[in-house]
Amino acid sequence: MKIEHVAMYVKDLEQVKWFFENYFGAKSNAGYHNESTDFQSYFLTFDNGARLEIMNKPGLNNTEKI
């Protein structure tokens, strides 16, 4: 089995994108922004072909983890 990509919501898209580019060698796409919902995302591609989608949508609750 091969997982094509995994997605996760993050608080700061640019900071997380920088982190994966600088520490893991990820390559980012140009990004996506839906202006009507303010949803934004980047696909980060790694050398082995795995992809990570990082996403943000203002207004989502950042609930405390138990």
Protein backbone atom coordinates (compact mmCIF):
# COMPACT_ATOMS: atom_id res chain seq x y z
CA MET A 1 0.00 0.00 0.00
CA LYS A 2 1.19 3.52 -0.76
CA ILE A 3 -0.30 6.61 0.86
CA GLU A 4 -0.40 9.38 -1.76
CA HIS A 5 -0.66 12.28 0.66
CA VAL A 6 -1.54 13.29 4.19
CA ALA A 7 -3.20 16.58 5.14
CA MET A 8 -3.12 18.61 8.33
CA TYR A 9 -4.46 21.95 9.51
CA VAL A 10 -1.85 24.37 10.84
CA LYS A 11 -1.95 27.80 12.48
CA ASP A 12 0.77 29.46 10.39
CA LEU A 13 1.04 28.17 6.82
CA GLU A 14 4.17 30.12 5.93
CA GLN A 15 6.06 29.07 9.06
CA VAL A 16 5.18 25.39 8.61
CA LYS A 17 6.04 25.53 4.89
CA TRP A 18 9.43 27.08 5.73
CA PHE A 19 10.07 24.38 8.36
CA PHE A 20 9.48 21.45 5.98
CA GLU A 21 11.38 23.10 3.12
CA ASN A 22 14.42 23.87 5.27
CA TYR A 23 14.62 20.78 7.49
CA PHE A 24 13.20 18.07 5.20
CA GLY A 25 13.93 19.40 1.69
CA ALA A 26 10.25 19.64 0.72
CA LYS A 27 9.27 21.44 -2.48
CA SER A 28 6.11 23.55 -2.33
CA ASN A 29 3.54 24.28 -4.99
CA ALA A 30 2.37 27.88 -5.52
CA GLY A 31 -0.45 27.40 -3.03
CA TYR A 32 -4.22 27.57 -3.20
CA HIS A 33 -6.54 30.25 -1.80
CA ASN A 34 -10.35 30.13 -1.92
CA GLU A 35 -11.26 33.78 -1.44
CA SER A 36 -14.92 33.12 -0.61
CA THR A 37 -14.10 30.82 2.36
CA ASP A 38 -10.54 32.07 3.03
CA PHE A 39 -9.31 28.45 2.96
CA GLN A 40 -5.61 28.24 2.03
CA SER A 41 -3.28 25.32 1.44
CA TYR A 42 0.09 24.19 0.09
CA PHE A 43 1.17 20.79 -1.18
CA LEU A 44 4.70 19.94 -0.04
CA THR A 45 6.45 17.21 -2.04
CA PHE A 46 9.35 15.18 -0.68
CA ASP A 47 12.14 13.40 -2.58
CA ASN A 48 10.53 9.97 -2.12
CA GLY A 49 7.29 11.20 -3.74
CA ALA A 50 5.27 11.54 -0.53
CA ARG A 51 3.21 14.71 -0.23
CA LEU A 52 1.98 16.68 2.76
CA GLU A 53 -0.90 19.11 2.38
CA ILE A 54 -0.84 21.89 4.97
CA MET A 55 -4.08 23.85 5.32
CA ASN A 56 -5.50 26.83 7.16
CA LYS A 57 -8.95 28.33 7.48
CA PRO A 58 -9.42 31.25 9.85
CA GLY A 59 -12.08 30.71 12.47
CA LEU A 60 -11.37 27.07 13.12
CA ASN A 61 -11.04 26.39 16.82
CA ASN A 62 -7.64 25.44 18.14
CA THR A 63 -8.94 23.19 20.89
CA GLU A 64 -6.67 22.02 23.65
CA LYS A 65 -5.43 18.47 23.17
CA ILE A 66 -6.02 16.01 26.02
